[in-house]
């Protein structure tokens, strides 16, 4: 009897083990199949699928007045509205002086400027002047919020070379959402040196602003949801330029200058043309290069800019395209957008083109470059970039993380030891990229920069000179410009002080 019971238990145990094996096998096949489906369907491509049926909108130049003391005055109004990106579908949007995006501000080196920023939204927002050298209290970071119904009037003197800058909100914890809704615009600076160069410079004709963003629609509304397994942040299904879907631009000149701005919140673009033609890179974030660099790809992470000049032939149609990344591991490329490709903008050349001069062999004079030298550094600092924070600390509005002395140069080492790509933006200054993983930077990183990509596992060294006004109480920011990372706390604060001075206390009132 006992042996019979043991045999029965043995048979039952065997059946249970067999059943468990089958269940585990089925689950493994299901999970493996699901992962295989995710892997296969993770990349996006609009190459060859864009009809290019809408003429590119060129943001208008913002009107300005000049005060009695010579100050140039602009007015920006943050407002809610709706925009018809597609026929019959009105999408709720935000904009400056209009329903979506903002006008292009333009000023000259040496001018004093003032911007009256009025917030007619139903929540607080702000305006950060990305790439601008100016006092911390005028910078438009999270400490200079503009409350609903209020006005903020920053003023400063333009003291930097001709360059392609931009403006956007910077509310701590909500920057991604505010930019996605449409609060962004360009700010162009001119100077005498660049004005004498034989570069395309007729705004909207042979000198085009190209503000690239990625979007996804859910019916008539934006879908800002993050892609499954994407650590970078929001990755849209298609691109638009200056708020125009499927855009084309008519070109009437032999050479056209494209001021490329990656205004997306997380996506990294590798720009080139569909026929792989070479173009001249003439400028980066903070201004012109010393000499043009011929290339057929330029990669921009969020917030970065590049000025390129492309030569067109009569009657041709060429497409500005974003290609898959040239680096990154398999997971990152697949799920963080590295394998994606987009047809971004079509250029349509007229049958007869106005002749354009050759791109000058020399661009920025030494004064125009104004890049700091590593040999002048009086201090080095290290920044470990992680999704959870910089140097192990998430952003705290009341904490000053670094104190720098006015008039000094420093070398900062940026190390990305995490499992995803980041980038690094520093307010107020334009820095020199010294090396990437110990090697000389590629041409696109040899100019004046305020934002630089730091790929997974990479180490980037930069030299910065802090020669602006000091203020021990009001900080500037440094942060990852993948905006969901910034919103989640991947940001720190520094103040500029006089020699021997200490950092003060951050004001506990930030609104205007």
Protein backbone atom coordinates (compact mmCIF):
# COMPACT_ATOMS: atom_id res chain seq x y z
CA UNK A 1 0.00 0.00 0.00
CA UNK A 2 2.80 2.41 0.94
CA UNK A 3 4.70 1.67 -2.28
CA UNK A 4 1.52 2.26 -4.30
CA UNK A 5 1.04 5.69 -2.68
CA UNK A 6 4.68 6.61 -3.39
CA UNK A 7 4.30 5.58 -7.04
CA UNK A 8 1.14 7.73 -7.30
CA UNK A 9 2.94 10.75 -5.79
CA UNK A 10 5.84 10.20 -8.20
CA UNK A 11 3.52 10.14 -11.20
CA UNK A 12 1.80 13.35 -9.98
CA UNK A 13 5.14 15.09 -9.40
CA UNK A 14 6.26 14.06 -12.88
CA UNK A 15 3.05 15.46 -14.39
CA UNK A 16 3.54 18.75 -12.45
CA UNK A 17 7.14 19.04 -13.64
CA UNK A 18 6.14 18.32 -17.22
CA UNK A 19 3.34 20.88 -16.99
CA UNK A 20 5.70 23.49 -15.52
CA UNK A 21 8.22 22.81 -18.25
CA UNK A 22 5.56 23.28 -20.91
CA UNK A 23 4.29 26.50 -19.26
CA UNK A 24 7.81 27.92 -18.95
CA UNK A 25 8.51 26.97 -22.56
CA UNK A 26 5.31 28.63 -23.77
CA UNK A 27 6.10 31.77 -21.75
CA UNK A 28 9.65 31.85 -23.09
CA UNK A 29 8.38 31.55 -26.64
CA UNK A 30 5.78 34.27 -26.00
CA UNK A 31 8.25 36.63 -24.35
CA UNK A 32 10.85 35.90 -26.99
CA UNK A 33 8.31 36.46 -29.73
CA UNK A 34 7.14 39.71 -28.14
CA UNK A 35 10.72 40.94 -27.79
CA UNK A 36 11.46 39.94 -31.38
CA UNK A 37 8.40 41.91 -32.49
CA UNK A 38 9.48 44.90 -30.41
CA UNK A 39 13.01 44.72 -31.83
CA UNK A 40 11.75 44.42 -35.39
CA UNK A 41 9.26 47.27 -35.07
CA UNK A 42 11.28 49.65 -32.89
CA UNK A 43 12.81 51.71 -35.70
CA UNK A 44 11.00 54.42 -37.64
CA UNK A 45 11.58 55.70 -41.15
CA UNK A 46 9.82 58.26 -43.31
CA UNK A 47 12.41 58.00 -46.09
CA UNK A 48 10.65 58.00 -49.44
CA UNK A 49 7.25 58.41 -47.78
CA UNK A 50 6.99 62.20 -47.41
CA UNK A 51 4.96 64.00 -50.08
CA UNK A 52 6.49 67.46 -49.43
CA UNK A 53 3.21 69.21 -50.08
CA UNK A 54 3.52 72.25 -47.79
CA UNK A 55 5.70 75.27 -48.40
CA UNK A 56 8.10 75.87 -45.53
CA UNK A 57 6.90 78.53 -43.11
CA UNK A 58 9.63 81.05 -42.36
CA UNK A 59 9.16 82.64 -38.93
CA UNK A 60 8.76 86.41 -39.31
CA UNK A 61 11.44 88.72 -37.99
CA UNK A 62 10.17 90.17 -34.72
CA UNK A 63 9.45 93.90 -34.98
CA UNK A 64 11.34 96.12 -32.58
CA UNK A 65 11.56 99.73 -31.50
CA UNK A 66 14.54 101.72 -30.29
CA UNK A 67 14.32 103.67 -27.01
CA UNK A 68 15.81 107.15 -26.58
CA UNK A 69 18.92 105.61 -25.01
CA UNK A 70 19.42 103.35 -28.05
CA UNK A 71 18.04 100.16 -26.49
CA UNK A 72 16.36 97.82 -28.97
CA UNK A 73 13.01 96.67 -27.55
CA UNK A 74 11.14 93.48 -28.46
CA UNK A 75 7.75 92.24 -27.28
CA UNK A 76 7.00 88.56 -26.77
CA UNK A 77 3.60 87.30 -25.68
CA UNK A 78 3.17 83.69 -24.56
CA UNK A 79 -0.28 82.56 -25.60
CA UNK A 80 -2.49 79.53 -26.17
CA UNK A 81 -4.07 78.85 -29.54
CA UNK A 82 -4.69 76.16 -32.13
CA UNK A 83 -2.83 75.22 -35.30
CA UNK A 84 -4.03 73.27 -38.35
CA UNK A 85 -1.02 71.10 -39.15
CA UNK A 86 -3.22 68.83 -41.25
CA UNK A 87 -6.37 69.63 -43.20
CA UNK A 88 -9.41 69.88 -40.95
CA UNK A 89 -7.57 69.01 -37.72
CA UNK A 90 -6.99 71.88 -35.29
CA UNK A 91 -4.34 71.01 -32.70
CA UNK A 92 -4.17 72.89 -29.35
CA UNK A 93 -0.80 74.68 -29.25
CA UNK A 94 1.17 77.39 -27.50
CA UNK A 95 3.25 80.08 -29.13
CA UNK A 96 4.96 83.46 -28.87
CA UNK A 97 3.01 86.27 -30.60
CA UNK A 98 0.97 83.62 -32.39
CA UNK A 99 -0.57 80.19 -32.07
CA UNK A 100 2.60 78.11 -32.48
CA UNK A 101 6.34 78.77 -32.11
CA UNK A 102 7.67 82.34 -32.16
CA UNK A 103 9.19 85.04 -34.36
CA UNK A 104 12.91 85.33 -35.02
CA UNK A 105 14.57 88.00 -32.90
CA UNK A 106 17.61 89.70 -34.42
CA UNK A 107 20.16 92.06 -32.86
CA UNK A 108 23.73 93.25 -33.44
CA UNK A 109 26.81 92.91 -31.32
CA UNK A 110 27.17 95.97 -29.12
CA UNK A 111 23.44 96.73 -28.99
CA UNK A 112 21.53 96.96 -25.75
CA UNK A 113 18.35 94.90 -25.94
CA UNK A 114 15.21 94.66 -23.84
CA UNK A 115 12.47 92.06 -24.21
CA UNK A 116 9.04 92.57 -22.67
CA UNK A 117 7.79 89.04 -22.02
CA UNK A 118 4.10 88.83 -21.19
CA UNK A 119 2.52 85.55 -20.10
CA UNK A 120 -1.12 85.18 -21.13
CA UNK A 121 -1.16 81.43 -20.46
CA UNK A 122 -3.01 79.98 -17.50
CA UNK A 123 0.21 78.74 -15.86
CA UNK A 124 3.70 80.03 -15.17
CA UNK A 125 6.38 79.64 -17.82
CA UNK A 126 9.52 81.51 -18.84
CA UNK A 127 12.00 82.34 -21.58
CA UNK A 128 15.62 81.19 -21.55
CA UNK A 129 17.98 82.79 -24.09
CA UNK A 130 19.87 79.66 -25.12
CA UNK A 131 23.49 80.43 -26.00
CA UNK A 132 23.33 84.08 -24.90
CA UNK A 133 26.04 85.67 -22.77
CA UNK A 134 24.18 87.80 -20.22
CA UNK A 135 23.67 88.41 -16.46
CA UNK A 136 22.26 85.46 -14.51
CA UNK A 137 19.16 87.43 -13.46
CA UNK A 138 18.32 87.93 -17.17
CA UNK A 139 19.08 84.36 -18.25
CA UNK A 140 15.52 83.05 -18.05
CA UNK A 141 16.30 79.88 -16.14
CA UNK A 142 13.95 78.26 -13.60
CA UNK A 143 14.56 81.13 -11.16
CA UNK A 144 13.09 83.68 -13.58
CA UNK A 145 9.60 82.29 -14.04
CA UNK A 146 6.86 84.52 -15.43
CA UNK A 147 3.63 83.93 -13.60
CA UNK A 148 0.33 83.76 -15.46
CA UNK A 149 -0.84 87.28 -16.27
CA UNK A 150 2.55 88.81 -15.45
CA UNK A 151 5.31 90.51 -17.44
CA UNK A 152 9.08 90.08 -17.16
CA UNK A 153 11.45 92.54 -18.83
CA UNK A 154 15.06 91.33 -19.03
CA UNK A 155 17.68 93.64 -20.54
CA UNK A 156 21.33 93.19 -21.44
CA UNK A 157 24.06 94.24 -23.84
CA UNK A 158 24.88 91.88 -26.70
CA UNK A 159 28.57 91.07 -26.33
CA UNK A 160 29.33 88.02 -28.45
CA UNK A 161 29.98 87.16 -32.11
CA UNK A 162 27.39 86.65 -34.82
CA UNK A 163 25.60 83.36 -34.16
CA UNK A 164 22.41 81.32 -34.34
CA UNK A 165 20.84 81.19 -30.88
CA UNK A 166 17.32 80.34 -29.76
CA UNK A 167 14.86 80.88 -26.95
CA UNK A 168 12.55 78.50 -25.09
CA UNK A 169 10.95 77.99 -21.65
CA UNK A 170 12.90 76.60 -18.71
CA UNK A 171 10.44 75.73 -15.89
CA UNK A 172 11.96 73.11 -13.63
CA UNK A 173 10.05 69.86 -14.11
CA UNK A 174 7.98 71.07 -17.08
CA UNK A 175 10.41 72.20 -19.80
CA UNK A 176 9.74 69.24 -22.10
CA UNK A 177 5.98 69.80 -22.04
CA UNK A 178 6.22 73.57 -22.64
CA UNK A 179 8.61 73.19 -25.58
CA UNK A 180 6.51 70.42 -27.12
CA UNK A 181 3.44 72.65 -27.02
CA UNK A 182 5.22 75.20 -29.20
CA UNK A 183 7.16 77.69 -27.09
CA UNK A 184 10.39 78.14 -29.07
CA UNK A 185 11.98 80.55 -31.52
CA UNK A 186 15.33 81.66 -32.95
CA UNK A 187 17.48 84.61 -31.87
CA UNK A 188 20.06 85.64 -34.51
CA UNK A 189 23.05 87.81 -33.71
CA UNK A 190 25.01 89.82 -36.30
CA UNK A 191 28.36 91.61 -36.20
CA UNK A 192 30.50 93.65 -38.56
CA UNK A 193 32.96 90.85 -39.30
CA UNK A 194 30.29 88.39 -40.44
CA UNK A 195 28.50 91.12 -42.37
CA UNK A 196 31.53 91.55 -44.61
CA UNK A 197 31.73 87.86 -45.51
CA UNK A 198 30.38 86.56 -48.82
CA UNK A 199 27.94 84.17 -47.17
CA UNK A 200 24.23 83.87 -48.00
CA UNK A 201 22.53 86.37 -45.70
CA UNK A 202 19.10 87.34 -47.05
CA UNK A 203 16.77 86.02 -44.36
CA UNK A 204 14.08 83.72 -45.71
CA UNK A 205 15.56 83.70 -49.23
CA UNK A 206 19.07 82.21 -49.28
CA UNK A 207 19.47 82.18 -45.47
CA UNK A 208 16.84 79.86 -44.01
CA UNK A 209 16.02 79.06 -40.37
CA UNK A 210 15.48 75.29 -40.08
CA UNK A 211 14.00 74.46 -36.67
CA UNK A 212 13.52 70.68 -36.60
CA UNK A 213 11.16 68.98 -34.16
CA UNK A 214 9.63 65.50 -34.02
CA UNK A 215 5.93 64.98 -33.36
CA UNK A 216 3.28 62.31 -32.97
CA UNK A 217 -0.43 62.98 -33.35
CA UNK A 218 -3.33 61.30 -31.58
CA UNK A 219 -6.22 62.45 -33.70
CA UNK A 220 -6.11 66.23 -33.66
CA UNK A 221 -3.90 66.51 -30.58
CA UNK A 222 -0.20 66.00 -29.93
CA UNK A 223 0.71 62.66 -28.37
CA UNK A 224 3.61 63.30 -26.01
CA UNK A 225 3.85 59.76 -24.69
CA UNK A 226 7.31 58.20 -24.48
CA UNK A 227 8.03 55.17 -26.64
CA UNK A 228 8.17 51.85 -24.77
CA UNK A 229 11.76 51.04 -23.68
CA UNK A 230 13.01 54.47 -24.85
CA UNK A 231 15.20 55.95 -22.13
CA UNK A 232 16.00 59.16 -24.01
CA UNK A 233 12.54 60.70 -23.68
CA UNK A 234 9.92 61.57 -26.27
CA UNK A 235 10.59 60.23 -29.77
CA UNK A 236 8.05 61.34 -32.37
CA UNK A 237 6.91 59.44 -35.44
CA UNK A 238 7.59 62.23 -37.93
CA UNK A 239 9.40 65.54 -38.19
CA UNK A 240 8.33 69.08 -38.92
CA UNK A 241 10.36 72.19 -39.73
CA UNK A 242 9.36 75.62 -38.40
CA UNK A 243 6.02 74.03 -37.51
CA UNK A 244 5.47 72.79 -41.10
CA UNK A 245 4.75 69.13 -41.84
CA UNK A 246 6.06 67.66 -45.11
CA UNK A 247 7.85 70.93 -46.00
CA UNK A 248 9.53 72.13 -49.16
CA UNK A 249 11.46 75.36 -49.75
CA UNK A 250 11.87 77.13 -53.08
CA UNK A 251 15.51 78.01 -53.75
CA UNK A 252 16.41 80.78 -56.20
CA UNK A 253 20.13 81.05 -55.47
CA UNK A 254 23.04 78.80 -56.31
CA UNK A 255 23.98 78.50 -52.66
CA UNK A 256 21.67 78.43 -49.65
CA UNK A 257 22.54 78.69 -45.99
CA UNK A 258 20.59 76.47 -43.61
CA UNK A 259 20.61 77.40 -39.94
CA UNK A 260 19.90 73.97 -38.46
CA UNK A 261 18.48 73.83 -34.95
CA UNK A 262 17.62 70.60 -33.18
CA UNK A 263 14.61 71.84 -31.24
CA UNK A 264 13.43 68.33 -30.40
CA UNK A 265 13.26 67.34 -26.77
CA UNK A 266 15.20 64.05 -27.00
CA UNK A 267 15.86 62.98 -30.59
CA UNK A 268 19.37 63.14 -32.06
CA UNK A 269 19.60 63.90 -35.78
CA UNK A 270 22.38 63.06 -38.23
CA UNK A 271 21.74 65.48 -41.08
CA UNK A 272 22.84 64.96 -44.67
CA UNK A 273 21.35 65.03 -48.16
CA UNK A 274 19.65 62.24 -50.04
CA UNK A 275 22.34 62.15 -52.75
CA UNK A 276 25.12 62.22 -50.14
CA UNK A 277 26.50 65.49 -51.49
CA UNK A 278 29.02 67.46 -49.49
CA UNK A 279 28.14 70.78 -47.87
CA UNK A 280 30.16 73.40 -46.05
CA UNK A 281 29.80 73.63 -42.29
CA UNK A 282 30.41 77.31 -41.55
CA UNK A 283 29.14 77.72 -37.99
CA UNK A 284 28.19 75.91 -34.80
CA UNK A 285 26.34 76.88 -31.60
CA UNK A 286 28.17 80.09 -30.81
CA UNK A 287 29.18 81.42 -34.21
CA UNK A 288 31.29 80.92 -37.31
CA UNK A 289 34.19 78.51 -37.60
CA UNK A 290 37.67 79.76 -38.43
CA UNK A 291 37.31 78.09 -41.84
CA UNK A 292 34.55 76.08 -43.54
CA UNK A 293 34.63 72.30 -43.16
CA UNK A 294 33.40 70.14 -46.03
CA UNK A 295 31.34 67.14 -44.89
CA UNK A 296 28.28 65.10 -45.81
CA UNK A 297 26.93 64.46 -42.27
CA UNK A 298 26.53 66.62 -39.20
CA UNK A 299 25.04 65.25 -35.99
CA UNK A 300 23.05 67.47 -33.63
CA UNK A 301 21.73 66.51 -30.20
CA UNK A 302 18.87 68.53 -28.67
CA UNK A 303 19.72 72.23 -28.41
CA UNK A 304 22.70 72.14 -30.78
CA UNK A 305 22.91 74.28 -33.92
CA UNK A 306 24.87 74.12 -37.16
CA UNK A 307 25.08 76.57 -40.06
CA UNK A 308 25.67 74.82 -43.39
CA UNK A 309 25.92 76.12 -46.95
CA UNK A 310 24.81 73.77 -49.73
CA UNK A 311 25.30 74.28 -53.47
CA UNK A 312 22.27 73.62 -55.69
CA UNK A 313 21.98 72.89 -59.42
CA UNK A 314 19.22 74.39 -61.60
CA UNK A 315 15.93 72.50 -61.51
CA UNK A 316 16.96 69.81 -59.03
CA UNK A 317 15.11 68.66 -55.95
CA UNK A 318 17.17 67.53 -53.00
CA UNK A 319 16.07 66.26 -49.59
CA UNK A 320 17.62 67.11 -46.24
CA UNK A 321 17.55 63.78 -44.45
CA UNK A 322 18.31 62.51 -40.96
CA UNK A 323 20.29 59.27 -41.13
CA UNK A 324 20.76 56.57 -38.48
CA UNK A 325 23.42 57.24 -35.87
CA UNK A 326 27.02 56.46 -36.63
CA UNK A 327 27.65 55.17 -33.10
CA UNK A 328 25.84 53.72 -30.08
CA UNK A 329 25.23 50.11 -29.08
CA UNK A 330 22.52 47.90 -30.55
CA UNK A 331 19.99 48.49 -27.78
CA UNK A 332 20.46 52.25 -27.79
CA UNK A 333 20.27 52.48 -31.56
CA UNK A 334 17.16 50.33 -31.70
CA UNK A 335 15.08 51.72 -28.84
CA UNK A 336 16.44 55.26 -28.36
CA UNK A 337 16.02 56.39 -31.96
CA UNK A 338 19.47 55.61 -33.30
CA UNK A 339 18.18 53.47 -36.16
CA UNK A 340 15.46 55.94 -37.18
CA UNK A 341 15.65 57.94 -40.39
CA UNK A 342 13.58 60.86 -41.66
CA UNK A 343 13.10 62.88 -44.81
CA UNK A 344 13.06 66.35 -43.23
CA UNK A 345 12.94 69.11 -45.88
CA UNK A 346 12.91 69.23 -49.67
CA UNK A 347 14.85 71.98 -51.47
CA UNK A 348 13.42 72.87 -54.90
CA UNK A 349 15.87 74.74 -57.09
CA UNK A 350 14.58 77.10 -59.74
CA UNK A 351 15.36 76.38 -63.38
CA UNK A 352 17.56 79.47 -63.39
CA UNK A 353 19.51 80.25 -60.25
CA UNK A 354 21.04 83.53 -59.19
CA UNK A 355 24.83 83.08 -58.99
CA UNK A 356 26.37 82.98 -55.50
CA UNK A 357 30.00 83.64 -54.55
CA UNK A 358 32.18 80.80 -53.34
CA UNK A 359 32.18 80.17 -49.60
CA UNK A 360 35.14 82.14 -48.15
CA UNK A 361 38.15 80.10 -47.12
CA UNK A 362 38.49 82.16 -43.94
CA UNK A 363 35.46 82.92 -41.77
CA UNK A 364 35.85 84.05 -38.17
CA UNK A 365 38.78 86.25 -37.23
CA UNK A 366 40.51 85.51 -33.92
CA UNK A 367 38.27 87.99 -32.14
CA UNK A 368 35.24 86.17 -33.50
CA UNK A 369 36.34 82.78 -32.19
CA UNK A 370 37.16 83.92 -28.66
CA UNK A 371 37.72 80.35 -27.48
CA UNK A 372 39.34 79.67 -24.11
CA UNK A 373 42.64 77.80 -23.91
CA UNK A 374 43.17 74.77 -21.67
CA UNK A 375 46.57 76.15 -20.64
CA UNK A 376 44.87 79.13 -19.00
CA UNK A 377 42.73 76.98 -16.70
CA UNK A 378 43.05 77.66 -12.99
CA UNK A 379 40.80 74.80 -11.93
CA UNK A 380 39.44 71.48 -13.12
CA UNK A 381 36.07 69.99 -12.26
CA UNK A 382 34.52 66.57 -12.91
CA UNK A 383 30.89 65.90 -13.79
CA UNK A 384 29.49 62.37 -13.77
CA UNK A 385 26.37 62.24 -15.94
CA UNK A 386 23.67 59.84 -14.83
CA UNK A 387 19.94 59.71 -15.45
CA UNK A 388 19.40 60.11 -11.69
CA UNK A 389 21.42 63.35 -11.51
CA UNK A 390 24.80 64.95 -12.06
CA UNK A 391 27.56 63.86 -9.66
CA UNK A 392 24.98 61.76 -7.85
CA UNK A 393 22.75 64.72 -6.97
CA UNK A 394 19.35 65.49 -8.49
CA UNK A 395 18.56 69.16 -9.07
CA UNK A 396 17.70 71.24 -5.97
CA UNK A 397 16.52 74.81 -6.59
CA UNK A 398 18.01 76.08 -3.33
CA UNK A 399 21.45 74.47 -3.67
CA UNK A 400 24.50 76.02 -5.37
CA UNK A 401 26.57 73.16 -6.75
CA UNK A 402 29.59 75.03 -8.12
CA UNK A 403 31.15 78.45 -7.52
CA UNK A 404 33.41 79.90 -10.21
CA UNK A 405 35.50 83.07 -10.16
CA UNK A 406 34.84 85.79 -12.70
CA UNK A 407 37.61 86.27 -15.24
CA UNK A 408 39.02 82.73 -14.90
CA UNK A 409 39.20 79.71 -17.19
CA UNK A 410 38.37 76.18 -16.06
CA UNK A 411 38.47 72.71 -17.58
CA UNK A 412 35.41 70.54 -16.99
CA UNK A 413 35.51 66.78 -17.58
CA UNK A 414 32.16 65.28 -18.53
CA UNK A 415 31.90 61.53 -18.03
CA UNK A 416 28.91 59.46 -19.10
CA UNK A 417 29.20 56.17 -17.22
CA UNK A 418 25.51 55.36 -17.59
CA UNK A 419 23.56 53.22 -20.02
CA UNK A 420 22.24 55.89 -22.40
CA UNK A 421 23.36 58.96 -24.34
CA UNK A 422 23.20 62.37 -22.70
CA UNK A 423 24.32 65.83 -23.67
CA UNK A 424 25.51 68.81 -21.66
CA UNK A 425 24.48 72.46 -21.94
CA UNK A 426 26.07 75.29 -19.96
CA UNK A 427 24.27 78.61 -19.60
CA UNK A 428 25.98 81.95 -20.29
CA UNK A 429 29.25 80.67 -21.78
CA UNK A 430 30.54 79.36 -25.09
CA UNK A 431 33.16 76.67 -24.48
CA UNK A 432 35.89 74.88 -26.43
CA UNK A 433 35.69 71.09 -26.77
CA UNK A 434 39.24 69.95 -25.97
CA UNK A 435 38.91 66.25 -26.68
CA UNK A 436 36.49 63.35 -26.87
CA UNK A 437 37.80 60.13 -25.33
CA UNK A 438 41.26 61.65 -25.47
CA UNK A 439 41.11 62.36 -29.21
CA UNK A 440 40.89 65.66 -31.09
CA UNK A 441 37.25 66.58 -31.68
CA UNK A 442 35.77 66.30 -35.15
CA UNK A 443 35.32 69.54 -37.16
CA UNK A 444 31.72 70.04 -36.01
CA UNK A 445 32.99 70.31 -32.41
CA UNK A 446 35.89 72.70 -33.01
CA UNK A 447 33.95 75.94 -32.87
CA UNK A 448 32.19 77.85 -30.11
CA UNK A 449 29.85 75.46 -28.29
CA UNK A 450 27.29 75.71 -25.51
CA UNK A 451 25.88 72.19 -25.92
CA UNK A 452 27.74 68.95 -26.60
CA UNK A 453 26.69 65.31 -26.90
CA UNK A 454 28.25 62.90 -24.41
CA UNK A 455 27.60 59.36 -25.70
CA UNK A 456 27.32 56.36 -23.44
CA UNK A 457 30.74 55.52 -22.00
CA UNK A 458 32.34 58.69 -23.37
CA UNK A 459 34.50 61.31 -21.68
CA UNK A 460 34.45 64.86 -23.06
CA UNK A 461 36.69 67.66 -21.80
CA UNK A 462 35.72 71.28 -22.31
CA UNK A 463 37.42 74.61 -21.52
CA UNK A 464 35.22 77.47 -20.30
CA UNK A 465 36.00 81.11 -19.51
CA UNK A 466 33.72 82.98 -17.12
CA UNK A 467 34.13 86.62 -18.10
CA UNK A 468 30.60 87.90 -17.59
CA UNK A 469 29.11 89.79 -14.66
CA UNK A 470 29.22 88.20 -11.22
CA UNK A 471 26.24 87.55 -8.97
CA UNK A 472 26.71 85.37 -5.88
CA UNK A 473 22.97 84.93 -5.35
CA UNK A 474 21.54 84.15 -8.79
CA UNK A 475 22.74 80.93 -10.43
CA UNK A 476 23.17 79.79 -14.01
CA UNK A 477 22.31 76.21 -14.97
CA UNK A 478 24.22 73.30 -16.46
CA UNK A 479 22.21 70.27 -17.48
CA UNK A 480 21.39 67.51 -19.91
CA UNK A 481 19.34 69.02 -22.76
CA UNK A 482 17.36 65.85 -23.31
CA UNK A 483 14.48 67.63 -21.68
CA UNK A 484 12.83 64.76 -19.79
CA UNK A 485 16.24 64.08 -18.20
CA UNK A 486 16.51 67.76 -17.25
CA UNK A 487 12.95 67.77 -15.89
CA UNK A 488 13.69 64.71 -13.76
CA UNK A 489 16.64 66.44 -12.10
CA UNK A 490 19.67 66.02 -14.36
CA UNK A 491 20.67 69.62 -13.75
CA UNK A 492 22.95 71.64 -11.49
CA UNK A 493 23.57 75.29 -10.61
CA UNK A 494 26.65 77.51 -10.55
CA UNK A 495 27.27 81.11 -9.59
CA UNK A 496 29.96 83.48 -10.81
CA UNK A 497 31.62 85.47 -8.02
CA UNK A 498 34.42 88.00 -7.66
CA UNK A 499 37.80 86.77 -6.47
CA UNK A 500 37.60 85.92 -2.76
CA UNK A 501 33.81 86.14 -2.71
CA UNK A 502 31.56 83.27 -1.60
CA UNK A 503 28.31 82.04 -3.03
CA UNK A 504 25.25 83.62 -1.51
CA UNK A 505 21.78 82.25 -1.02
CA UNK A 506 19.38 81.55 -3.87
CA UNK A 507 16.26 83.72 -3.50
CA UNK A 508 13.20 81.71 -2.47
CA UNK A 509 10.94 83.79 -4.73
CA UNK A 510 11.38 83.05 -8.41
CA UNK A 511 8.30 84.46 -10.14
CA UNK A 512 7.68 87.77 -11.88
